[in-house]
Amino acid sequence: MSERSSQRYDISVGVIVRWEGKSEPCLSRTLSKGGVSVGTQKRWPVGTVVDVEMVHEKTRLRTTARVANANPTTVGLEFYQPSPEFEAQLLELLERFVPQARLASIVHTSKNALG
């Protein structure tokens, strides 16, 4: 299991996931520099590559992502080779929310460390 390279924040923005000529409107649950977790009942196989569009007010960010994980109500999408322009726009979006955002309490701890 790989460790996260960036903090996730509880941020809700509109997300449109596109694949194979279909689209699924969703809301983000968490957002980070590395990816987005969306609320959806769709379950794409882990590794599936999708197009992602995030919408907040007049800002639209588009990139490609890979399905990193999925459960019955949430899919984790890892941004895949994002452009420098996307990364800059994402950072601006995160900076708008982070002062008000509550850091997501998602911590991965090994079982041995709990003892």
PDB file of N, CA and C in Angstrom:
ATOM      1  N   MET A   1       0.850  -1.177   0.000  1.00  0.00           N
ATOM      2  CA  MET A   1       0.000   0.000   0.000  1.00  0.00           C
ATOM      3  C   MET A   1       0.895   1.238   0.000  1.00  0.00           C
ATOM      4  N   SER A   2       0.618   2.162  -0.893  1.00  0.00           N
ATOM      5  CA  SER A   2       1.427   3.375  -0.962  1.00  0.00           C
ATOM      6  C   SER A   2       0.900   4.418   0.021  1.00  0.00           C
ATOM      7  N   GLU A   3       1.804   5.288   0.452  1.00  0.00           N
ATOM      8  CA  GLU A   3       1.390   6.354   1.360  1.00  0.00           C
ATOM      9  C   GLU A   3       0.929   7.553   0.555  1.00  0.00           C
ATOM     10  N   ARG A   4       0.022   8.328   1.125  1.00  0.00           N
ATOM     11  CA  ARG A   4      -0.462   9.529   0.453  1.00  0.00           C
ATOM     12  C   ARG A   4       0.631  10.580   0.456  1.00  0.00           C
ATOM     13  N   SER A   5       0.732  11.283  -0.675  1.00  0.00           N
ATOM     14  CA  SER A   5       1.752  12.320  -0.766  1.00  0.00           C
ATOM     15  C   SER A   5       1.178  13.706  -0.487  1.00  0.00           C
ATOM     16  N   SER A   6      -0.149  13.804  -0.336  1.00  0.00           N
ATOM     17  CA  SER A   6      -0.740  15.112  -0.053  1.00  0.00           C
ATOM     18  C   SER A   6      -1.948  14.958   0.862  1.00  0.00           C
ATOM     19  N   GLN A   7      -2.206  15.993   1.642  1.00  0.00           N
ATOM     20  CA  GLN A   7      -3.330  15.978   2.574  1.00  0.00           C
ATOM     21  C   GLN A   7      -4.640  16.098   1.816  1.00  0.00           C
ATOM     22  N   ARG A   8      -5.656  15.428   2.342  1.00  0.00           N
ATOM     23  CA  ARG A   8      -6.990  15.531   1.755  1.00  0.00           C
ATOM     24  C   ARG A   8      -7.835  16.437   2.637  1.00  0.00           C
ATOM     25  N   TYR A   9      -8.675  17.229   1.974  1.00  0.00           N
ATOM     26  CA  TYR A   9      -9.537  18.173   2.673  1.00  0.00           C
ATOM     27  C   TYR A   9     -10.990  17.902   2.323  1.00  0.00           C
ATOM     28  N   ASP A  10     -11.869  18.094   3.295  1.00  0.00           N
ATOM     29  CA  ASP A  10     -13.313  17.959   3.074  1.00  0.00           C
ATOM     30  C   ASP A  10     -13.777  19.156   2.255  1.00  0.00           C
ATOM     31  N   ILE A  11     -13.860  18.980   0.958  1.00  0.00           N
ATOM     32  CA  ILE A  11     -14.255  20.053   0.046  1.00  0.00           C
ATOM     33  C   ILE A  11     -15.282  19.489  -0.920  1.00  0.00           C
ATOM     34  N   SER A  12     -16.395  20.187  -1.051  1.00  0.00           N
ATOM     35  CA  SER A  12     -17.458  19.737  -1.950  1.00  0.00           C
ATOM     36  C   SER A  12     -17.540  20.647  -3.171  1.00  0.00           C
ATOM     37  N   VAL A  13     -17.213  20.078  -4.332  1.00  0.00           N
ATOM     38  CA  VAL A  13     -17.367  20.774  -5.612  1.00  0.00           C
ATOM     39  C   VAL A  13     -18.037  19.807  -6.581  1.00  0.00           C
ATOM     40  N   GLY A  14     -18.639  20.347  -7.613  1.00  0.00           N
ATOM     41  CA  GLY A  14     -19.233  19.499  -8.635  1.00  0.00           C
ATOM     42  C   GLY A  14     -18.148  18.781  -9.423  1.00  0.00           C
ATOM     43  N   VAL A  15     -18.375  17.512  -9.697  1.00  0.00           N
ATOM     44  CA  VAL A  15     -17.423  16.713 -10.475  1.00  0.00           C
ATOM     45  C   VAL A  15     -18.211  15.938 -11.522  1.00  0.00           C
ATOM     46  N   ILE A  16     -17.733  15.980 -12.750  1.00  0.00           N
ATOM     47  CA  ILE A  16     -18.321  15.164 -13.810  1.00  0.00           C
ATOM     48  C   ILE A  16     -17.266  14.146 -14.215  1.00  0.00           C
ATOM     49  N   VAL A  17     -17.612  12.872 -14.096  1.00  0.00           N
ATOM     50  CA  VAL A  17     -16.707  11.793 -14.483  1.00  0.00           C
ATOM     51  C   VAL A  17     -17.184  11.273 -15.834  1.00  0.00           C
ATOM     52  N   ARG A  18     -16.263  11.210 -16.807  1.00  0.00           N
ATOM     53  CA  ARG A  18     -16.610  10.740 -18.152  1.00  0.00           C
ATOM     54  C   ARG A  18     -15.774   9.515 -18.500  1.00  0.00           C
ATOM     55  N   TRP A  19     -16.430   8.542 -19.109  1.00  0.00           N
ATOM     56  CA  TRP A  19     -15.755   7.326 -19.553  1.00  0.00           C
ATOM     57  C   TRP A  19     -16.601   6.692 -20.652  1.00  0.00           C
ATOM     58  N   GLU A  20     -15.954   6.146 -21.639  1.00  0.00           N
ATOM     59  CA  GLU A  20     -16.614   5.395 -22.712  1.00  0.00           C
ATOM     60  C   GLU A  20     -17.859   6.091 -23.257  1.00  0.00           C
ATOM     61  N   GLY A  21     -17.791   7.398 -23.452  1.00  0.00           N
ATOM     62  CA  GLY A  21     -18.914   8.145 -24.001  1.00  0.00           C
ATOM     63  C   GLY A  21     -20.054   8.412 -23.031  1.00  0.00           C
ATOM     64  N   LYS A  22     -19.879   8.037 -21.767  1.00  0.00           N
ATOM     65  CA  LYS A  22     -20.905   8.254 -20.737  1.00  0.00           C
ATOM     66  C   LYS A  22     -20.397   9.302 -19.758  1.00  0.00           C
ATOM     67  N   SER A  23     -21.315   9.846 -18.954  1.00  0.00           N
ATOM     68  CA  SER A  23     -20.893  10.788 -17.912  1.00  0.00           C
ATOM     69  C   SER A  23     -21.727  10.573 -16.656  1.00  0.00           C
ATOM     70  N   GLU A  24     -21.114  10.879 -15.528  1.00  0.00           N
ATOM     71  CA  GLU A  24     -21.754  10.724 -14.218  1.00  0.00           C
ATOM     72  C   GLU A  24     -21.498  11.986 -13.406  1.00  0.00           C
ATOM     73  N   PRO A  25     -22.545  12.793 -13.126  1.00  0.00           N
ATOM     74  CA  PRO A  25     -22.354  13.958 -12.260  1.00  0.00           C
ATOM     75  C   PRO A  25     -22.235  13.505 -10.806  1.00  0.00           C
ATOM     76  N   CYS A  26     -21.279  14.066 -10.096  1.00  0.00           N
ATOM     77  CA  CYS A  26     -21.014  13.685  -8.703  1.00  0.00           C
ATOM     78  C   CYS A  26     -20.676  14.937  -7.901  1.00  0.00           C
ATOM     79  N   LEU A  27     -20.506  14.753  -6.609  1.00  0.00           N
ATOM     80  CA  LEU A  27     -19.954  15.785  -5.728  1.00  0.00           C
ATOM     81  C   LEU A  27     -18.700  15.221  -5.083  1.00  0.00           C
ATOM     82  N   SER A  28     -17.688  16.075  -4.956  1.00  0.00           N
ATOM     83  CA  SER A  28     -16.483  15.617  -4.275  1.00  0.00           C
ATOM     84  C   SER A  28     -16.770  15.492  -2.785  1.00  0.00           C
ATOM     85  N   ARG A  29     -16.104  14.553  -2.169  1.00  0.00           N
ATOM     86  CA  ARG A  29     -16.159  14.412  -0.706  1.00  0.00           C
ATOM     87  C   ARG A  29     -14.866  14.942  -0.106  1.00  0.00           C
ATOM     88  N   THR A  30     -13.756  14.577  -0.731  1.00  0.00           N
ATOM     89  CA  THR A  30     -12.456  15.118  -0.333  1.00  0.00           C
ATOM     90  C   THR A  30     -11.683  15.474  -1.594  1.00  0.00           C
ATOM     91  N   LEU A  31     -10.755  16.412  -1.430  1.00  0.00           N
ATOM     92  CA  LEU A  31      -9.955  16.881  -2.552  1.00  0.00           C
ATOM     93  C   LEU A  31      -8.536  17.116  -2.062  1.00  0.00           C
ATOM     94  N   SER A  32      -7.565  16.757  -2.888  1.00  0.00           N
ATOM     95  CA  SER A  32      -6.159  16.999  -2.566  1.00  0.00           C
ATOM     96  C   SER A  32      -5.422  17.327  -3.851  1.00  0.00           C
ATOM     97  N   LYS A  33      -4.126  17.609  -3.724  1.00  0.00           N
ATOM     98  CA  LYS A  33      -3.316  17.864  -4.910  1.00  0.00           C
ATOM     99  C   LYS A  33      -3.195  16.610  -5.765  1.00  0.00           C
ATOM    100  N   GLY A  34      -3.372  15.447  -5.156  1.00  0.00           N
ATOM    101  CA  GLY A  34      -3.174  14.188  -5.876  1.00  0.00           C
ATOM    102  C   GLY A  34      -4.419  13.525  -6.404  1.00  0.00           C
ATOM    103  N   GLY A  35      -5.603  13.954  -5.936  1.00  0.00           N
ATOM    104  CA  GLY A  35      -6.809  13.288  -6.406  1.00  0.00           C
ATOM    105  C   GLY A  35      -8.061  13.809  -5.742  1.00  0.00           C
ATOM    106  N   VAL A  36      -9.162  13.142  -6.079  1.00  0.00           N
ATOM    107  CA  VAL A  36     -10.468  13.543  -5.566  1.00  0.00           C
ATOM    108  C   VAL A  36     -11.267  12.291  -5.238  1.00  0.00           C
ATOM    109  N   SER A  37     -12.009  12.351  -4.162  1.00  0.00           N
ATOM    110  CA  SER A  37     -12.929  11.290  -3.780  1.00  0.00           C
ATOM    111  C   SER A  37     -14.330  11.793  -4.087  1.00  0.00           C
ATOM    112  N   VAL A  38     -15.091  11.010  -4.856  1.00  0.00           N
ATOM    113  CA  VAL A  38     -16.426  11.453  -5.248  1.00  0.00           C
ATOM    114  C   VAL A  38     -17.491  10.517  -4.701  1.00  0.00           C
ATOM    115  N   GLY A  39     -18.616  11.105  -4.338  1.00  0.00           N
ATOM    116  CA  GLY A  39     -19.761  10.323  -3.909  1.00  0.00           C
ATOM    117  C   GLY A  39     -20.522   9.837  -5.137  1.00  0.00           C
ATOM    118  N   THR A  40     -20.628   8.538  -5.295  1.00  0.00           N
ATOM    119  CA  THR A  40     -21.344   7.946  -6.424  1.00  0.00           C
ATOM    120  C   THR A  40     -21.643   6.487  -6.125  1.00  0.00           C
ATOM    121  N   GLN A  41     -22.664   5.973  -6.777  1.00  0.00           N
ATOM    122  CA  GLN A  41     -22.950   4.549  -6.641  1.00  0.00           C
ATOM    123  C   GLN A  41     -22.389   3.768  -7.820  1.00  0.00           C
ATOM    124  N   LYS A  42     -21.767   4.477  -8.778  1.00  0.00           N
ATOM    125  CA  LYS A  42     -21.073   3.796  -9.876  1.00  0.00           C
ATOM    126  C   LYS A  42     -19.816   3.172  -9.307  1.00  0.00           C
ATOM    127  N   ARG A  43     -19.473   2.013  -9.812  1.00  0.00           N
ATOM    128  CA  ARG A  43     -18.241   1.374  -9.367  1.00  0.00           C
ATOM    129  C   ARG A  43     -17.430   0.983 -10.594  1.00  0.00           C
ATOM    130  N   TRP A  44     -16.450   1.816 -10.908  1.00  0.00           N
ATOM    131  CA  TRP A  44     -15.548   1.487 -11.992  1.00  0.00           C
ATOM    132  C   TRP A  44     -14.458   0.589 -11.429  1.00  0.00           C
ATOM    133  N   PRO A  45     -13.960  -0.345 -12.216  1.00  0.00           N
ATOM    134  CA  PRO A  45     -12.871  -1.196 -11.724  1.00  0.00           C
ATOM    135  C   PRO A  45     -11.632  -0.361 -11.380  1.00  0.00           C
ATOM    136  N   VAL A  46     -10.924  -0.761 -10.337  1.00  0.00           N
ATOM    137  CA  VAL A  46      -9.679  -0.089  -9.966  1.00  0.00           C
ATOM    138  C   VAL A  46      -8.755  -0.128 -11.180  1.00  0.00           C
ATOM    139  N   GLY A  47      -8.134   1.000 -11.470  1.00  0.00           N
ATOM    140  CA  GLY A  47      -7.246   1.108 -12.621  1.00  0.00           C
ATOM    141  C   GLY A  47      -7.899   1.721 -13.845  1.00  0.00           C
ATOM    142  N   THR A  48      -9.238   1.825 -13.847  1.00  0.00           N
ATOM    143  CA  THR A  48      -9.943   2.430 -14.974  1.00  0.00           C
ATOM    144  C   THR A  48      -9.520   3.888 -15.124  1.00  0.00           C
ATOM    145  N   VAL A  49      -9.243   4.303 -16.358  1.00  0.00           N
ATOM    146  CA  VAL A  49      -8.874   5.692 -16.630  1.00  0.00           C
ATOM    147  C   VAL A  49     -10.130   6.439 -17.064  1.00  0.00           C
ATOM    148  N   VAL A  50     -10.379   7.582 -16.432  1.00  0.00           N
ATOM    149  CA  VAL A  50     -11.569   8.390 -16.705  1.00  0.00           C
ATOM    150  C   VAL A  50     -11.151   9.846 -16.901  1.00  0.00           C
ATOM    151  N   ASP A  51     -12.014  10.622 -17.529  1.00  0.00           N
ATOM    152  CA  ASP A  51     -11.818  12.066 -17.620  1.00  0.00           C
ATOM    153  C   ASP A  51     -12.614  12.706 -16.497  1.00  0.00           C
ATOM    154  N   VAL A  52     -12.030  13.707 -15.870  1.00  0.00           N
ATOM    155  CA  VAL A  52     -12.648  14.366 -14.724  1.00  0.00           C
ATOM    156  C   VAL A  52     -12.754  15.860 -15.006  1.00  0.00           C
ATOM    157  N   GLU A  53     -13.924  16.411 -14.704  1.00  0.00           N
ATOM    158  CA  GLU A  53     -14.113  17.860 -14.776  1.00  0.00           C
ATOM    159  C   GLU A  53     -14.656  18.308 -13.427  1.00  0.00           C
ATOM    160  N   MET A  54     -13.939  19.213 -12.772  1.00  0.00           N
ATOM    161  CA  MET A  54     -14.394  19.762 -11.497  1.00  0.00           C
ATOM    162  C   MET A  54     -14.911  21.167 -11.748  1.00  0.00           C
ATOM    163  N   VAL A  55     -16.051  21.484 -11.149  1.00  0.00           N
ATOM    164  CA  VAL A  55     -16.713  22.764 -11.387  1.00  0.00           C
ATOM    165  C   VAL A  55     -16.996  23.438 -10.048  1.00  0.00           C
ATOM    166  N   HIS A  56     -16.531  24.681  -9.920  1.00  0.00           N
ATOM    167  CA  HIS A  56     -16.838  25.485  -8.734  1.00  0.00           C
ATOM    168  C   HIS A  56     -16.970  26.930  -9.186  1.00  0.00           C
ATOM    169  N   GLU A  57     -18.156  27.490  -8.969  1.00  0.00           N
ATOM    170  CA  GLU A  57     -18.463  28.841  -9.427  1.00  0.00           C
ATOM    171  C   GLU A  57     -18.127  28.933 -10.915  1.00  0.00           C
ATOM    172  N   LYS A  58     -17.229  29.819 -11.317  1.00  0.00           N
ATOM    173  CA  LYS A  58     -16.906  29.953 -12.743  1.00  0.00           C
ATOM    174  C   LYS A  58     -15.654  29.179 -13.139  1.00  0.00           C
ATOM    175  N   THR A  59     -15.103  28.419 -12.206  1.00  0.00           N
ATOM    176  CA  THR A  59     -13.881  27.667 -12.472  1.00  0.00           C
ATOM    177  C   THR A  59     -14.219  26.260 -12.949  1.00  0.00           C
ATOM    178  N   ARG A  60     -13.566  25.831 -14.024  1.00  0.00           N
ATOM    179  CA  ARG A  60     -13.695  24.458 -14.534  1.00  0.00           C
ATOM    180  C   ARG A  60     -12.287  23.899 -14.705  1.00  0.00           C
ATOM    181  N   LEU A  61     -12.028  22.786 -14.054  1.00  0.00           N
ATOM    182  CA  LEU A  61     -10.726  22.131 -14.157  1.00  0.00           C
ATOM    183  C   LEU A  61     -10.935  20.769 -14.798  1.00  0.00           C
ATOM    184  N   ARG A  62     -10.117  20.444 -15.795  1.00  0.00           N
ATOM    185  CA  ARG A  62     -10.246  19.159 -16.485  1.00  0.00           C
ATOM    186  C   ARG A  62      -8.912  18.425 -16.470  1.00  0.00           C
ATOM    187  N   THR A  63      -8.992  17.115 -16.222  1.00  0.00           N
ATOM    188  CA  THR A  63      -7.799  16.274 -16.270  1.00  0.00           C
ATOM    189  C   THR A  63      -8.229  14.822 -16.428  1.00  0.00           C
ATOM    190  N   THR A  64      -7.250  13.960 -16.487  1.00  0.00           N
ATOM    191  CA  THR A  64      -7.481  12.523 -16.540  1.00  0.00           C
ATOM    192  C   THR A  64      -7.168  11.966 -15.161  1.00  0.00           C
ATOM    193  N   ALA A  65      -7.873  10.916 -14.780  1.00  0.00           N
ATOM    194  CA  ALA A  65      -7.640  10.293 -13.475  1.00  0.00           C
ATOM    195  C   ALA A  65      -7.772   8.783 -13.612  1.00  0.00           C
ATOM    196  N   ARG A  66      -7.215   8.093 -12.630  1.00  0.00           N
ATOM    197  CA  ARG A  66      -7.334   6.639 -12.549  1.00  0.00           C
ATOM    198  C   ARG A  66      -8.109   6.294 -11.295  1.00  0.00           C
ATOM    199  N   VAL A  67      -8.970   5.294 -11.391  1.00  0.00           N
ATOM    200  CA  VAL A  67      -9.698   4.831 -10.213  1.00  0.00           C
ATOM    201  C   VAL A  67      -8.695   4.141  -9.293  1.00  0.00           C
ATOM    202  N   ALA A  68      -8.523   4.702  -8.092  1.00  0.00           N
ATOM    203  CA  ALA A  68      -7.576   4.154  -7.122  1.00  0.00           C
ATOM    204  C   ALA A  68      -8.260   3.187  -6.163  1.00  0.00           C
ATOM    205  N   ASN A  69      -9.523   3.472  -5.829  1.00  0.00           N
ATOM    206  CA  ASN A  69     -10.276   2.597  -4.928  1.00  0.00           C
ATOM    207  C   ASN A  69     -11.758   2.895  -5.081  1.00  0.00           C
ATOM    208  N   ALA A  70     -12.561   1.958  -4.624  1.00  0.00           N
ATOM    209  CA  ALA A  70     -14.016   2.137  -4.716  1.00  0.00           C
ATOM    210  C   ALA A  70     -14.689   1.371  -3.594  1.00  0.00           C
ATOM    211  N   ASN A  71     -15.757   1.953  -3.067  1.00  0.00           N
ATOM    212  CA  ASN A  71     -16.613   1.252  -2.111  1.00  0.00           C
ATOM    213  C   ASN A  71     -18.051   1.546  -2.531  1.00  0.00           C
ATOM    214  N   PRO A  72     -19.054   1.066  -1.817  1.00  0.00           N
ATOM    215  CA  PRO A  72     -20.436   1.232  -2.296  1.00  0.00           C
ATOM    216  C   PRO A  72     -20.906   2.666  -2.511  1.00  0.00           C
ATOM    217  N   THR A  73     -20.303   3.655  -1.866  1.00  0.00           N
ATOM    218  CA  THR A  73     -20.801   5.029  -2.010  1.00  0.00           C
ATOM    219  C   THR A  73     -19.760   6.040  -2.474  1.00  0.00           C
ATOM    220  N   THR A  74     -18.501   5.636  -2.577  1.00  0.00           N
ATOM    221  CA  THR A  74     -17.420   6.571  -2.883  1.00  0.00           C
ATOM    222  C   THR A  74     -16.395   5.931  -3.813  1.00  0.00           C
ATOM    223  N   VAL A  75     -15.865   6.746  -4.725  1.00  0.00           N
ATOM    224  CA  VAL A  75     -14.779   6.299  -5.599  1.00  0.00           C
ATOM    225  C   VAL A  75     -13.618   7.274  -5.442  1.00  0.00           C
ATOM    226  N   GLY A  76     -12.429   6.745  -5.220  1.00  0.00           N
ATOM    227  CA  GLY A  76     -11.224   7.562  -5.124  1.00  0.00           C
ATOM    228  C   GLY A  76     -10.542   7.629  -6.474  1.00  0.00           C
ATOM    229  N   LEU A  77     -10.323   8.845  -6.966  1.00  0.00           N
ATOM    230  CA  LEU A  77      -9.699   9.059  -8.268  1.00  0.00           C
ATOM    231  C   LEU A  77      -8.348   9.737  -8.082  1.00  0.00           C
ATOM    232  N   GLU A  78      -7.312   9.145  -8.636  1.00  0.00           N
ATOM    233  CA  GLU A  78      -5.966   9.707  -8.575  1.00  0.00           C
ATOM    234  C   GLU A  78      -5.697  10.429  -9.890  1.00  0.00           C
ATOM    235  N   PHE A  79      -5.329  11.714  -9.802  1.00  0.00           N
ATOM    236  CA  PHE A  79      -5.043  12.464 -11.020  1.00  0.00           C
ATOM    237  C   PHE A  79      -3.885  11.796 -11.754  1.00  0.00           C
ATOM    238  N   TYR A  80      -4.041  11.640 -13.073  1.00  0.00           N
ATOM    239  CA  TYR A  80      -3.078  10.911 -13.891  1.00  0.00           C
ATOM    240  C   TYR A  80      -2.409  11.867 -14.869  1.00  0.00           C
ATOM    241  N   GLN A  81      -1.135  12.102 -14.680  1.00  0.00           N
ATOM    242  CA  GLN A  81      -0.339  12.993 -15.514  1.00  0.00           C
ATOM    243  C   GLN A  81      -1.019  14.353 -15.729  1.00  0.00           C
ATOM    244  N   PRO A  82      -1.356  15.042 -14.635  1.00  0.00           N
ATOM    245  CA  PRO A  82      -2.006  16.351 -14.788  1.00  0.00           C
ATOM    246  C   PRO A  82      -1.052  17.367 -15.414  1.00  0.00           C
ATOM    247  N   SER A  83      -1.608  18.262 -16.192  1.00  0.00           N
ATOM    248  CA  SER A  83      -0.799  19.312 -16.829  1.00  0.00           C
ATOM    249  C   SER A  83      -0.391  20.344 -15.778  1.00  0.00           C
ATOM    250  N   PRO A  84       0.680  21.085 -16.036  1.00  0.00           N
ATOM    251  CA  PRO A  84       1.062  22.161 -15.112  1.00  0.00           C
ATOM    252  C   PRO A  84      -0.070  23.181 -14.943  1.00  0.00           C
ATOM    253  N   GLU A  85      -0.816  23.447 -16.005  1.00  0.00           N
ATOM    254  CA  GLU A  85      -1.943  24.388 -15.920  1.00  0.00           C
ATOM    255  C   GLU A  85      -3.009  23.861 -14.957  1.00  0.00           C
ATOM    256  N   PHE A  86      -3.336  22.562 -15.062  1.00  0.00           N
ATOM    257  CA  PHE A  86      -4.313  21.966 -14.151  1.00  0.00           C
ATOM    258  C   PHE A  86      -3.814  22.062 -12.716  1.00  0.00           C
ATOM    259  N   GLU A  87      -2.546  21.713 -12.494  1.00  0.00           N
ATOM    260  CA  GLU A  87      -1.998  21.753 -11.137  1.00  0.00           C
ATOM    261  C   GLU A  87      -2.080  23.158 -10.546  1.00  0.00           C
ATOM    262  N   ALA A  88      -1.797  24.182 -11.357  1.00  0.00           N
ATOM    263  CA  ALA A  88      -1.870  25.567 -10.874  1.00  0.00           C
ATOM    264  C   ALA A  88      -3.308  25.949 -10.539  1.00  0.00           C
ATOM    265  N   GLN A  89      -4.253  25.564 -11.404  1.00  0.00           N
ATOM    266  CA  GLN A  89      -5.668  25.869 -11.144  1.00  0.00           C
ATOM    267  C   GLN A  89      -6.168  25.126  -9.910  1.00  0.00           C
ATOM    268  N   LEU A  90      -5.729  23.881  -9.742  1.00  0.00           N
ATOM    269  CA  LEU A  90      -6.136  23.098  -8.578  1.00  0.00           C
ATOM    270  C   LEU A  90      -5.611  23.736  -7.297  1.00  0.00           C
ATOM    271  N   LEU A  91      -4.374  24.177  -7.312  1.00  0.00           N
ATOM    272  CA  LEU A  91      -3.805  24.831  -6.134  1.00  0.00           C
ATOM    273  C   LEU A  91      -4.597  26.086  -5.780  1.00  0.00           C
ATOM    274  N   GLU A  92      -4.978  26.869  -6.789  1.00  0.00           N
ATOM    275  CA  GLU A  92      -5.802  28.058  -6.537  1.00  0.00           C
ATOM    276  C   GLU A  92      -7.142  27.672  -5.918  1.00  0.00           C
ATOM    277  N   LEU A  93      -7.753  26.605  -6.436  1.00  0.00           N
ATOM    278  CA  LEU A  93      -9.033  26.146  -5.896  1.00  0.00           C
ATOM    279  C   LEU A  93      -8.874  25.692  -4.445  1.00  0.00           C
ATOM    280  N   LEU A  94      -7.851  24.900  -4.171  1.00  0.00           N
ATOM    281  CA  LEU A  94      -7.615  24.443  -2.797  1.00  0.00           C
ATOM    282  C   LEU A  94      -7.387  25.621  -1.858  1.00  0.00           C
ATOM    283  N   GLU A  95      -6.642  26.615  -2.305  1.00  0.00           N
ATOM    284  CA  GLU A  95      -6.359  27.772  -1.450  1.00  0.00           C
ATOM    285  C   GLU A  95      -7.618  28.569  -1.128  1.00  0.00           C
ATOM    286  N   ARG A  96      -8.611  28.520  -2.014  1.00  0.00           N
ATOM    287  CA  ARG A  96      -9.886  29.193  -1.719  1.00  0.00           C
ATOM    288  C   ARG A  96     -10.615  28.511  -0.569  1.00  0.00           C
ATOM    289  N   PHE A  97     -10.496  27.190  -0.496  1.00  0.00           N
ATOM    290  CA  PHE A  97     -11.241  26.420   0.491  1.00  0.00           C
ATOM    291  C   PHE A  97     -10.481  26.145   1.772  1.00  0.00           C
ATOM    292  N   VAL A  98      -9.188  25.955   1.701  1.00  0.00           N
ATOM    293  CA  VAL A  98      -8.439  25.451   2.851  1.00  0.00           C
ATOM    294  C   VAL A  98      -8.608  26.294   4.099  1.00  0.00           C
ATOM    295  N   PRO A  99      -8.654  27.625   4.044  1.00  0.00           N
ATOM    296  CA  PRO A  99      -8.875  28.368   5.284  1.00  0.00           C
ATOM    297  C   PRO A  99     -10.176  27.975   5.985  1.00  0.00           C
ATOM    298  N   GLN A 100     -11.213  27.587   5.214  1.00  0.00           N
ATOM    299  CA  GLN A 100     -12.482  27.190   5.819  1.00  0.00           C
ATOM    300  C   GLN A 100     -12.609  25.673   5.924  1.00  0.00           C
ATOM    301  N   ALA A 101     -11.761  24.956   5.198  1.00  0.00           N
ATOM    302  CA  ALA A 101     -11.907  23.499   5.142  1.00  0.00           C
ATOM    303  C   ALA A 101     -11.379  22.851   6.411  1.00  0.00           C
ATOM    304  N   ARG A 102     -12.032  21.790   6.794  1.00  0.00           N
ATOM    305  CA  ARG A 102     -11.587  20.996   7.936  1.00  0.00           C
ATOM    306  C   ARG A 102     -10.744  19.867   7.371  1.00  0.00           C
ATOM    307  N   LEU A 103      -9.528  19.727   7.869  1.00  0.00           N
ATOM    308  CA  LEU A 103      -8.652  18.674   7.382  1.00  0.00           C
ATOM    309  C   LEU A 103      -9.345  17.332   7.551  1.00  0.00           C
ATOM    310  N   ALA A 104      -9.408  16.586   6.471  1.00  0.00           N
ATOM    311  CA  ALA A 104     -10.044  15.267   6.524  1.00  0.00           C
ATOM    312  C   ALA A 104      -9.281  14.392   7.505  1.00  0.00           C
ATOM    313  N   SER A 105     -10.010  13.724   8.353  1.00  0.00           N
ATOM    314  CA  SER A 105      -9.362  12.878   9.356  1.00  0.00           C
ATOM    315  C   SER A 105      -9.212  11.467   8.803  1.00  0.00           C
ATOM    316  N   ILE A 106      -8.472  11.384   7.720  1.00  0.00           N
ATOM    317  CA  ILE A 106      -8.238  10.097   7.080  1.00  0.00           C
ATOM    318  C   ILE A 106      -6.767   9.782   7.274  1.00  0.00           C
ATOM    319  N   VAL A 107      -6.491   8.915   8.214  1.00  0.00           N
ATOM    320  CA  VAL A 107      -5.119   8.594   8.551  1.00  0.00           C
ATOM    321  C   VAL A 107      -4.932   7.097   8.395  1.00  0.00           C
ATOM    322  N   HIS A 108      -3.916   6.716   7.648  1.00  0.00           N
ATOM    323  CA  HIS A 108      -3.617   5.298   7.487  1.00  0.00           C
ATOM    324  C   HIS A 108      -2.512   4.935   8.467  1.00  0.00           C
ATOM    325  N   THR A 109      -2.831   4.045   9.378  1.00  0.00           N
ATOM    326  CA  THR A 109      -1.882   3.621  10.387  1.00  0.00           C
ATOM    327  C   THR A 109      -1.748   2.111  10.301  1.00  0.00           C
ATOM    328  N   SER A 110      -0.543   1.621  10.355  1.00  0.00           N
ATOM    329  CA  SER A 110      -0.367   0.172  10.294  1.00  0.00           C
ATOM    330  C   SER A 110      -0.911  -0.456  11.569  1.00  0.00           C
ATOM    331  N   LYS A 111      -1.332  -1.701  11.474  1.00  0.00           N
ATOM    332  CA  LYS A 111      -1.897  -2.408  12.629  1.00  0.00           C
ATOM    333  C   LYS A 111      -0.887  -2.486  13.767  1.00  0.00           C
ATOM    334  N   ASN A 112       0.387  -2.637  13.437  1.00  0.00           N
ATOM    335  CA  ASN A 112       1.410  -2.742  14.476  1.00  0.00           C
ATOM    336  C   ASN A 112       1.553  -1.446  15.266  1.00  0.00           C
ATOM    337  N   ALA A 113       1.337  -0.322  14.634  1.00  0.00           N
ATOM    338  CA  ALA A 113       1.486   0.962  15.322  1.00  0.00           C
ATOM    339  C   ALA A 113       0.363   1.207  16.318  1.00  0.00           C
ATOM    340  N   LEU A 114      -0.735   0.476  16.192  1.00  0.00           N
ATOM    341  CA  LEU A 114      -1.863   0.672  17.098  1.00  0.00           C
ATOM    342  C   LEU A 114      -1.642   0.024  18.453  1.00  0.00           C
ATOM    343  N   GLY A 115      -0.733  -0.922  18.542  1.00  0.00           N
ATOM    344  CA  GLY A 115      -0.520  -1.680  19.768  1.00  0.00           C
ATOM    345  C   GLY A 115       0.082  -0.891  20.822  1.00  0.00           C
TER     346      GLY A 115
END
